[in-house]
Amino acid sequence: AKERCTRPELYKLYNRADKPLERTVLIP
């Protein structure tokens, strides 16, 4: 789904507020 979030959530695209270009995913 390429869902975005503003803080790390499982399986959702995330970037730190001060790093707008990065894309990270949190997984177990």
PDB file of all heavy atoms in Angstrom:
ATOM      1  N   ALA A   1       0.819  -1.215   0.000  1.00  0.00           N
ATOM      2  CA  ALA A   1       0.000   0.000   0.000  1.00  0.00           C
ATOM      3  C   ALA A   1       0.852   1.264   0.000  1.00  0.00           C
ATOM      4  O   ALA A   1       0.343   2.341  -0.264  1.00  0.00           O
ATOM      5  CB  ALA A   1      -0.929   0.006   1.215  1.00  0.00           C
ATOM      6  N   LYS A   2       2.122   1.156   0.274  1.00  0.00           N
ATOM      7  CA  LYS A   2       3.024   2.317   0.329  1.00  0.00           C
ATOM      8  C   LYS A   2       2.503   3.379   1.299  1.00  0.00           C
ATOM      9  O   LYS A   2       2.611   4.569   1.073  1.00  0.00           O
ATOM     10  CB  LYS A   2       3.242   2.934  -1.057  1.00  0.00           C
ATOM     11  CG  LYS A   2       3.789   1.960  -2.077  1.00  0.00           C
ATOM     12  CD  LYS A   2       5.209   1.570  -1.751  1.00  0.00           C
ATOM     13  CE  LYS A   2       5.770   0.676  -2.833  1.00  0.00           C
ATOM     14  NZ  LYS A   2       6.525  -0.423  -2.388  1.00  0.00           N
ATOM     15  N   GLU A   3       1.902   2.901   2.391  1.00  0.00           N
ATOM     16  CA  GLU A   3       1.393   3.828   3.393  1.00  0.00           C
ATOM     17  C   GLU A   3       2.562   4.565   4.045  1.00  0.00           C
ATOM     18  O   GLU A   3       3.606   3.993   4.294  1.00  0.00           O
ATOM     19  CB  GLU A   3       0.630   3.068   4.476  1.00  0.00           C
ATOM     20  CG  GLU A   3      -0.624   2.395   3.978  1.00  0.00           C
ATOM     21  CD  GLU A   3      -1.302   1.642   5.095  1.00  0.00           C
ATOM     22  OE1 GLU A   3      -1.870   2.301   5.976  1.00  0.00           O
ATOM     23  OE2 GLU A   3      -1.233   0.410   5.077  1.00  0.00           O
ATOM     24  N   ARG A   4       2.349   5.848   4.321  1.00  0.00           N
ATOM     25  CA  ARG A   4       3.376   6.675   4.960  1.00  0.00           C
ATOM     26  C   ARG A   4       2.936   6.997   6.378  1.00  0.00           C
ATOM     27  O   ARG A   4       1.749   7.091   6.668  1.00  0.00           O
ATOM     28  CB  ARG A   4       3.565   7.983   4.196  1.00  0.00           C
ATOM     29  CG  ARG A   4       4.060   7.853   2.782  1.00  0.00           C
ATOM     30  CD  ARG A   4       5.557   7.730   2.654  1.00  0.00           C
ATOM     31  NE  ARG A   4       6.327   8.727   3.375  1.00  0.00           N
ATOM     32  CZ  ARG A   4       6.628   9.933   2.936  1.00  0.00           C
ATOM     33  NH1 ARG A   4       6.209  10.328   1.753  1.00  0.00           N
ATOM     34  NH2 ARG A   4       7.338  10.754   3.662  1.00  0.00           N
ATOM     35  N   CYS A   5       3.906   7.182   7.244  1.00  0.00           N
ATOM     36  CA  CYS A   5       3.608   7.577   8.611  1.00  0.00           C
ATOM     37  C   CYS A   5       4.680   8.554   9.093  1.00  0.00           C
ATOM     38  O   CYS A   5       5.737   8.665   8.493  1.00  0.00           O
ATOM     39  CB  CYS A   5       3.500   6.367   9.524  1.00  0.00           C
ATOM     40  SG  CYS A   5       4.964   5.326   9.540  1.00  0.00           S
ATOM     41  N   THR A   6       4.388   9.259  10.187  1.00  0.00           N
ATOM     42  CA  THR A   6       5.315  10.266  10.697  1.00  0.00           C
ATOM     43  C   THR A   6       6.204   9.742  11.814  1.00  0.00           C
ATOM     44  O   THR A   6       7.114  10.427  12.255  1.00  0.00           O
ATOM     45  CB  THR A   6       4.543  11.494  11.211  1.00  0.00           C
ATOM     46  OG1 THR A   6       3.612  11.055  12.205  1.00  0.00           O
ATOM     47  CG2 THR A   6       3.808  12.174  10.068  1.00  0.00           C
ATOM     48  N   ARG A   7       5.930   8.540  12.258  1.00  0.00           N
ATOM     49  CA  ARG A   7       6.808   7.867  13.222  1.00  0.00           C
ATOM     50  C   ARG A   7       6.842   6.385  12.834  1.00  0.00           C
ATOM     51  O   ARG A   7       5.950   5.920  12.113  1.00  0.00           O
ATOM     52  CB  ARG A   7       6.338   8.063  14.657  1.00  0.00           C
ATOM     53  CG  ARG A   7       4.940   7.598  14.936  1.00  0.00           C
ATOM     54  CD  ARG A   7       4.500   7.909  16.368  1.00  0.00           C
ATOM     55  NE  ARG A   7       3.108   7.593  16.552  1.00  0.00           N
ATOM     56  CZ  ARG A   7       2.615   6.369  16.685  1.00  0.00           C
ATOM     57  NH1 ARG A   7       3.399   5.334  16.688  1.00  0.00           N
ATOM     58  NH2 ARG A   7       1.335   6.172  16.831  1.00  0.00           N
ATOM     59  N   PRO A   8       7.860   5.661  13.256  1.00  0.00           N
ATOM     60  CA  PRO A   8       7.972   4.267  12.800  1.00  0.00           C
ATOM     61  C   PRO A   8       6.754   3.421  13.179  1.00  0.00           C
ATOM     62  O   PRO A   8       6.358   3.385  14.338  1.00  0.00           O
ATOM     63  CB  PRO A   8       9.223   3.755  13.521  1.00  0.00           C
ATOM     64  CG  PRO A   8       9.983   4.962  13.917  1.00  0.00           C
ATOM     65  CD  PRO A   8       8.972   6.045  14.135  1.00  0.00           C
ATOM     66  N   GLU A   9       6.166   2.788  12.173  1.00  0.00           N
ATOM     67  CA  GLU A   9       5.084   1.814  12.361  1.00  0.00           C
ATOM     68  C   GLU A   9       5.397   0.631  11.475  1.00  0.00           C
ATOM     69  O   GLU A   9       5.950   0.783  10.380  1.00  0.00           O
ATOM     70  CB  GLU A   9       3.730   2.411  11.955  1.00  0.00           C
ATOM     71  CG  GLU A   9       3.240   3.510  12.861  1.00  0.00           C
ATOM     72  CD  GLU A   9       1.865   4.015  12.440  1.00  0.00           C
ATOM     73  OE1 GLU A   9       1.024   3.189  12.002  1.00  0.00           O
ATOM     74  OE2 GLU A   9       1.643   5.227  12.530  1.00  0.00           O
ATOM     75  N   LEU A  10       5.025  -0.550  11.904  1.00  0.00           N
ATOM     76  CA  LEU A  10       5.336  -1.764  11.153  1.00  0.00           C
ATOM     77  C   LEU A  10       4.827  -1.686   9.715  1.00  0.00           C
ATOM     78  O   LEU A  10       3.675  -1.308   9.472  1.00  0.00           O
ATOM     79  CB  LEU A  10       4.735  -2.989  11.834  1.00  0.00           C
ATOM     80  CG  LEU A  10       5.349  -3.381  13.172  1.00  0.00           C
ATOM     81  CD1 LEU A  10       4.624  -4.594  13.748  1.00  0.00           C
ATOM     82  CD2 LEU A  10       6.836  -3.663  13.045  1.00  0.00           C
ATOM     83  N   TYR A  11       5.707  -2.026   8.794  1.00  0.00           N
ATOM     84  CA  TYR A  11       5.410  -2.177   7.364  1.00  0.00           C
ATOM     85  C   TYR A  11       4.971  -0.887   6.659  1.00  0.00           C
ATOM     86  O   TYR A  11       4.409  -0.946   5.577  1.00  0.00           O
ATOM     87  CB  TYR A  11       4.356  -3.266   7.130  1.00  0.00           C
ATOM     88  CG  TYR A  11       4.648  -4.549   7.845  1.00  0.00           C
ATOM     89  CD1 TYR A  11       3.807  -5.008   8.846  1.00  0.00           C
ATOM     90  CD2 TYR A  11       5.776  -5.306   7.546  1.00  0.00           C
ATOM     91  CE1 TYR A  11       4.072  -6.192   9.520  1.00  0.00           C
ATOM     92  CE2 TYR A  11       6.056  -6.483   8.216  1.00  0.00           C
ATOM     93  CZ  TYR A  11       5.199  -6.926   9.203  1.00  0.00           C
ATOM     94  OH  TYR A  11       5.468  -8.078   9.867  1.00  0.00           O
ATOM     95  N   LYS A  12       5.209   0.260   7.248  1.00  0.00           N
ATOM     96  CA  LYS A  12       4.829   1.528   6.619  1.00  0.00           C
ATOM     97  C   LYS A  12       6.082   2.361   6.346  1.00  0.00           C
ATOM     98  O   LYS A  12       7.035   2.350   7.128  1.00  0.00           O
ATOM     99  CB  LYS A  12       3.876   2.312   7.509  1.00  0.00           C
ATOM    100  CG  LYS A  12       2.526   1.631   7.652  1.00  0.00           C
ATOM    101  CD  LYS A  12       1.575   2.475   8.446  1.00  0.00           C
ATOM    102  CE  LYS A  12       0.234   1.763   8.590  1.00  0.00           C
ATOM    103  NZ  LYS A  12      -0.705   2.544   9.389  1.00  0.00           N
ATOM    104  N   LEU A  13       6.062   3.097   5.226  1.00  0.00           N
ATOM    105  CA  LEU A  13       7.175   3.974   4.889  1.00  0.00           C
ATOM    106  C   LEU A  13       7.278   5.094   5.917  1.00  0.00           C
ATOM    107  O   LEU A  13       6.265   5.673   6.320  1.00  0.00           O
ATOM    108  CB  LEU A  13       6.978   4.576   3.505  1.00  0.00           C
ATOM    109  CG  LEU A  13       7.007   3.593   2.340  1.00  0.00           C
ATOM    110  CD1 LEU A  13       6.676   4.316   1.042  1.00  0.00           C
ATOM    111  CD2 LEU A  13       8.356   2.914   2.240  1.00  0.00           C
ATOM    112  N   TYR A  14       8.488   5.390   6.309  1.00  0.00           N
ATOM    113  CA  TYR A  14       8.730   6.375   7.352  1.00  0.00           C
ATOM    114  C   TYR A  14       9.984   7.160   7.013  1.00  0.00           C
ATOM    115  O   TYR A  14      10.908   6.631   6.400  1.00  0.00           O
ATOM    116  CB  TYR A  14       8.913   5.642   8.692  1.00  0.00           C
ATOM    117  CG  TYR A  14       9.603   6.452   9.749  1.00  0.00           C
ATOM    118  CD1 TYR A  14       8.932   7.465  10.421  1.00  0.00           C
ATOM    119  CD2 TYR A  14      10.924   6.200  10.094  1.00  0.00           C
ATOM    120  CE1 TYR A  14       9.562   8.214  11.391  1.00  0.00           C
ATOM    121  CE2 TYR A  14      11.562   6.948  11.073  1.00  0.00           C
ATOM    122  CZ  TYR A  14      10.875   7.952  11.720  1.00  0.00           C
ATOM    123  OH  TYR A  14      11.501   8.693  12.674  1.00  0.00           O
ATOM    124  N   ASN A  15       9.993   8.430   7.383  1.00  0.00           N
ATOM    125  CA  ASN A  15      11.233   9.205   7.350  1.00  0.00           C
ATOM    126  C   ASN A  15      11.271  10.086   8.591  1.00  0.00           C
ATOM    127  O   ASN A  15      10.228  10.538   9.080  1.00  0.00           O
ATOM    128  CB  ASN A  15      11.378  10.045   6.078  1.00  0.00           C
ATOM    129  CG  ASN A  15      10.300  11.064   5.914  1.00  0.00           C
ATOM    130  OD1 ASN A  15       9.226  10.740   5.407  1.00  0.00           O
ATOM    131  ND2 ASN A  15      10.552  12.285   6.338  1.00  0.00           N
ATOM    132  N   ARG A  16      12.475  10.298   9.090  1.00  0.00           N
ATOM    133  CA  ARG A  16      12.634  11.186  10.236  1.00  0.00           C
ATOM    134  C   ARG A  16      12.298  12.606   9.786  1.00  0.00           C
ATOM    135  O   ARG A  16      12.547  12.971   8.637  1.00  0.00           O
ATOM    136  CB  ARG A  16      14.068  11.104  10.780  1.00  0.00           C
ATOM    137  CG  ARG A  16      14.363   9.715  11.358  1.00  0.00           C
ATOM    138  CD  ARG A  16      15.806   9.570  11.726  1.00  0.00           C
ATOM    139  NE  ARG A  16      16.593   9.380  10.488  1.00  0.00           N
ATOM    140  CZ  ARG A  16      17.887   9.148  10.470  1.00  0.00           C
ATOM    141  NH1 ARG A  16      18.578   9.082  11.590  1.00  0.00           N
ATOM    142  NH2 ARG A  16      18.527   8.984   9.321  1.00  0.00           N
ATOM    143  N   ALA A  17      11.752  13.409  10.701  1.00  0.00           N
ATOM    144  CA  ALA A  17      11.301  14.762  10.366  1.00  0.00           C
ATOM    145  C   ALA A  17      12.420  15.601   9.765  1.00  0.00           C
ATOM    146  O   ALA A  17      12.185  16.378   8.841  1.00  0.00           O
ATOM    147  CB  ALA A  17      10.731  15.442  11.610  1.00  0.00           C
ATOM    148  N   ASP A  18      13.635  15.425  10.260  1.00  0.00           N
ATOM    149  CA  ASP A  18      14.756  16.220   9.754  1.00  0.00           C
ATOM    150  C   ASP A  18      15.436  15.589   8.543  1.00  0.00           C
ATOM    151  O   ASP A  18      16.425  16.103   8.041  1.00  0.00           O
ATOM    152  CB  ASP A  18      15.778  16.475  10.866  1.00  0.00           C
ATOM    153  CG  ASP A  18      16.372  15.198  11.441  1.00  0.00           C
ATOM    154  OD1 ASP A  18      15.743  14.121  11.319  1.00  0.00           O
ATOM    155  OD2 ASP A  18      17.468  15.278  12.028  1.00  0.00           O
ATOM    156  N   LYS A  19      14.904  14.471   8.046  1.00  0.00           N
ATOM    157  CA  LYS A  19      15.454  13.765   6.878  1.00  0.00           C
ATOM    158  C   LYS A  19      14.322  13.482   5.897  1.00  0.00           C
ATOM    159  O   LYS A  19      13.908  12.341   5.695  1.00  0.00           O
ATOM    160  CB  LYS A  19      16.104  12.439   7.293  1.00  0.00           C
ATOM    161  CG  LYS A  19      17.039  12.523   8.480  1.00  0.00           C
ATOM    162  CD  LYS A  19      18.390  13.034   8.081  1.00  0.00           C
ATOM    163  CE  LYS A  19      19.354  12.853   9.231  1.00  0.00           C
ATOM    164  NZ  LYS A  19      20.009  14.021   9.686  1.00  0.00           N
ATOM    165  N   PRO A  20      13.774  14.511   5.234  1.00  0.00           N
ATOM    166  CA  PRO A  20      12.567  14.333   4.417  1.00  0.00           C
ATOM    167  C   PRO A  20      12.730  13.438   3.193  1.00  0.00           C
ATOM    168  O   PRO A  20      11.740  12.928   2.674  1.00  0.00           O
ATOM    169  CB  PRO A  20      12.225  15.765   3.987  1.00  0.00           C
ATOM    170  CG  PRO A  20      13.510  16.516   4.076  1.00  0.00           C
ATOM    171  CD  PRO A  20      14.275  15.881   5.208  1.00  0.00           C
ATOM    172  N   LEU A  21      13.943  13.209   2.722  1.00  0.00           N
ATOM    173  CA  LEU A  21      14.132  12.407   1.510  1.00  0.00           C
ATOM    174  C   LEU A  21      14.302  10.914   1.801  1.00  0.00           C
ATOM    175  O   LEU A  21      14.176  10.085   0.903  1.00  0.00           O
ATOM    176  CB  LEU A  21      15.346  12.914   0.727  1.00  0.00           C
ATOM    177  CG  LEU A  21      15.259  14.360   0.252  1.00  0.00           C
ATOM    178  CD1 LEU A  21      16.541  14.763  -0.464  1.00  0.00           C
ATOM    179  CD2 LEU A  21      14.051  14.563  -0.654  1.00  0.00           C
ATOM    180  N   GLU A  22      14.618  10.558   3.039  1.00  0.00           N
ATOM    181  CA  GLU A  22      14.843   9.146   3.348  1.00  0.00           C
ATOM    182  C   GLU A  22      13.519   8.383   3.399  1.00  0.00           C
ATOM    183  O   GLU A  22      12.461   8.969   3.624  1.00  0.00           O
ATOM    184  CB  GLU A  22      15.614   8.973   4.664  1.00  0.00           C
ATOM    185  CG  GLU A  22      14.752   9.043   5.909  1.00  0.00           C
ATOM    186  CD  GLU A  22      15.499   8.741   7.193  1.00  0.00           C
ATOM    187  OE1 GLU A  22      16.588   8.160   7.178  1.00  0.00           O
ATOM    188  OE2 GLU A  22      14.965   9.104   8.246  1.00  0.00           O
ATOM    189  N   ARG A  23      13.598   7.082   3.158  1.00  0.00           N
ATOM    190  CA  ARG A  23      12.443   6.190   3.276  1.00  0.00           C
ATOM    191  C   ARG A  23      12.922   4.917   3.966  1.00  0.00           C
ATOM    192  O   ARG A  23      13.819   4.233   3.474  1.00  0.00           O
ATOM    193  CB  ARG A  23      11.841   5.833   1.910  1.00  0.00           C
ATOM    194  CG  ARG A  23      11.251   6.997   1.162  1.00  0.00           C
ATOM    195  CD  ARG A  23      10.031   7.598   1.857  1.00  0.00           C
ATOM    196  NE  ARG A  23       9.523   8.740   1.137  1.00  0.00           N
ATOM    197  CZ  ARG A  23       9.884  10.005   1.358  1.00  0.00           C
ATOM    198  NH1 ARG A  23      10.771  10.279   2.288  1.00  0.00           N
ATOM    199  NH2 ARG A  23       9.361  10.989   0.669  1.00  0.00           N
ATOM    200  N   THR A  24      12.292   4.628   5.085  1.00  0.00           N
ATOM    201  CA  THR A  24      12.663   3.474   5.903  1.00  0.00           C
ATOM    202  C   THR A  24      11.393   2.699   6.230  1.00  0.00           C
ATOM    203  O   THR A  24      10.314   3.283   6.322  1.00  0.00           O
ATOM    204  CB  THR A  24      13.332   3.960   7.213  1.00  0.00           C
ATOM    205  OG1 THR A  24      14.420   4.812   6.884  1.00  0.00           O
ATOM    206  CG2 THR A  24      13.865   2.810   8.035  1.00  0.00           C
ATOM    207  N   VAL A  25      11.546   1.393   6.430  1.00  0.00           N
ATOM    208  CA  VAL A  25      10.432   0.542   6.840  1.00  0.00           C
ATOM    209  C   VAL A  25      10.855  -0.206   8.094  1.00  0.00           C
ATOM    210  O   VAL A  25      11.970  -0.732   8.165  1.00  0.00           O
ATOM    211  CB  VAL A  25      10.051  -0.464   5.734  1.00  0.00           C
ATOM    212  CG1 VAL A  25       9.001  -1.445   6.233  1.00  0.00           C
ATOM    213  CG2 VAL A  25       9.557   0.250   4.495  1.00  0.00           C
ATOM    214  N   LEU A  26       9.976  -0.253   9.082  1.00  0.00           N
ATOM    215  CA  LEU A  26      10.214  -0.990  10.318  1.00  0.00           C
ATOM    216  C   LEU A  26       9.560  -2.363  10.202  1.00  0.00           C
ATOM    217  O   LEU A  26       8.387  -2.454   9.839  1.00  0.00           O
ATOM    218  CB  LEU A  26       9.617  -0.211  11.498  1.00  0.00           C
ATOM    219  CG  LEU A  26       9.771  -0.826  12.890  1.00  0.00           C
ATOM    220  CD1 LEU A  26      11.238  -0.776  13.322  1.00  0.00           C
ATOM    221  CD2 LEU A  26       8.895  -0.075  13.894  1.00  0.00           C
ATOM    222  N   ILE A  27      10.340  -3.410  10.489  1.00  0.00           N
ATOM    223  CA  ILE A  27       9.778  -4.768  10.460  1.00  0.00           C
ATOM    224  C   ILE A  27      10.195  -5.516  11.721  1.00  0.00           C
ATOM    225  O   ILE A  27      11.236  -5.209  12.316  1.00  0.00           O
ATOM    226  CB  ILE A  27      10.216  -5.566   9.210  1.00  0.00           C
ATOM    227  CG1 ILE A  27      11.725  -5.820   9.201  1.00  0.00           C
ATOM    228  CG2 ILE A  27       9.762  -4.871   7.932  1.00  0.00           C
ATOM    229  CD1 ILE A  27      12.172  -6.802   8.148  1.00  0.00           C
ATOM    230  N   PRO A  28       9.418  -6.511  12.132  1.00  0.00           N
ATOM    231  CA  PRO A  28       9.822  -7.328  13.277  1.00  0.00           C
ATOM    232  C   PRO A  28      11.033  -8.197  12.912  1.00  0.00           C
ATOM    233  O   PRO A  28      11.096  -8.757  11.815  1.00  0.00           O
ATOM    234  CB  PRO A  28       8.599  -8.212  13.555  1.00  0.00           C
ATOM    235  CG  PRO A  28       7.473  -7.603  12.796  1.00  0.00           C
ATOM    236  CD  PRO A  28       8.084  -6.862  11.655  1.00  0.00           C
TER     237      PRO A  28
END
